[in-house]
């Protein structure tokens, strides 16, 4: 994902990218988007949802078994 001069849009963009990847069953892509959001915007209002979704994905698809 490109980085623009509008950091206030980056966190929601990462969250939506992750949700899109989940809808397309691209589990690794979703995990990466949520990880990026959490790493770069840990205090964002979107970080909590990203953490929950990431935990759910990691529970369902551990790193060594992600399809």
Protein backbone atom coordinates (compact mmCIF):
# COMPACT_ATOMS: atom_id res chain seq x y z
CA UNK A 1 0.00 0.00 0.00
CA UNK A 2 1.29 3.42 -0.88
CA UNK A 3 2.03 5.90 1.86
CA UNK A 4 0.46 9.31 1.39
CA UNK A 5 0.71 12.56 3.31
CA UNK A 6 -2.54 11.84 5.13
CA UNK A 7 -1.66 9.59 8.07
CA UNK A 8 -5.19 9.89 9.47
CA UNK A 9 -6.35 7.75 6.53
CA UNK A 10 -3.64 5.11 6.80
CA UNK A 11 -5.07 3.17 9.76
CA UNK A 12 -8.60 2.83 8.35
CA UNK A 13 -7.12 1.94 4.96
CA UNK A 14 -5.10 -0.92 6.50
CA UNK A 15 -8.20 -2.14 8.35
CA UNK A 16 -10.31 -2.12 5.19
CA UNK A 17 -7.54 -3.82 3.22
CA UNK A 18 -7.48 -6.58 5.82
CA UNK A 19 -11.26 -6.97 5.70
CA UNK A 20 -11.14 -7.18 1.90
CA UNK A 21 -8.46 -9.87 2.09
CA UNK A 22 -10.59 -11.79 4.58
CA UNK A 23 -13.60 -11.59 2.25
CA UNK A 24 -11.41 -12.98 -0.54
CA UNK A 25 -10.03 -15.68 1.79
CA UNK A 26 -6.52 -14.23 1.48
CA UNK A 27 -5.67 -14.95 5.09
CA UNK A 28 -1.97 -14.06 4.89
CA UNK A 29 -2.74 -10.73 3.25
CA UNK A 30 -5.30 -9.94 5.94
CA UNK A 31 -2.82 -10.81 8.68
CA UNK A 32 -0.18 -8.56 7.13
CA UNK A 33 -2.59 -5.62 6.84
CA UNK A 34 -3.66 -5.93 10.47
CA UNK A 35 -0.06 -6.33 11.63
CA UNK A 36 0.94 -3.21 9.68
CA UNK A 37 -1.90 -1.19 11.20
CA UNK A 38 -1.02 -2.32 14.73
CA UNK A 39 2.70 -1.67 14.23
CA UNK A 40 2.36 1.77 12.64
CA UNK A 41 -0.75 3.07 14.41
CA UNK A 42 -0.97 1.27 17.78
CA UNK A 43 -3.01 4.06 19.39
CA UNK A 44 -5.46 4.40 16.51
CA UNK A 45 -9.15 3.87 17.10
CA UNK A 46 -8.87 1.07 14.51
CA UNK A 47 -6.06 -0.82 16.23
CA UNK A 48 -8.36 -2.63 18.66
CA UNK A 49 -10.47 -4.13 15.90
CA UNK A 50 -7.33 -5.04 13.95
CA UNK A 51 -5.95 -6.85 17.03
CA UNK A 52 -9.20 -8.79 17.48
CA UNK A 53 -9.32 -9.80 13.83
CA UNK A 54 -5.64 -10.74 13.82
CA UNK A 55 -6.07 -12.88 16.93
CA UNK A 56 -9.06 -14.62 15.35
CA UNK A 57 -7.12 -15.32 12.15
CA UNK A 58 -4.11 -16.61 14.06
CA UNK A 59 -6.38 -18.85 16.12
CA UNK A 60 -8.08 -20.25 13.01
CA UNK A 61 -4.99 -20.31 10.81
CA UNK A 62 -1.73 -20.61 12.76
CA UNK A 63 1.26 -19.25 10.84
CA UNK A 64 2.45 -22.64 9.68
CA UNK A 65 -1.00 -23.74 8.42
CA UNK A 66 -2.37 -20.64 6.65
CA UNK A 67 -3.89 -21.74 3.34
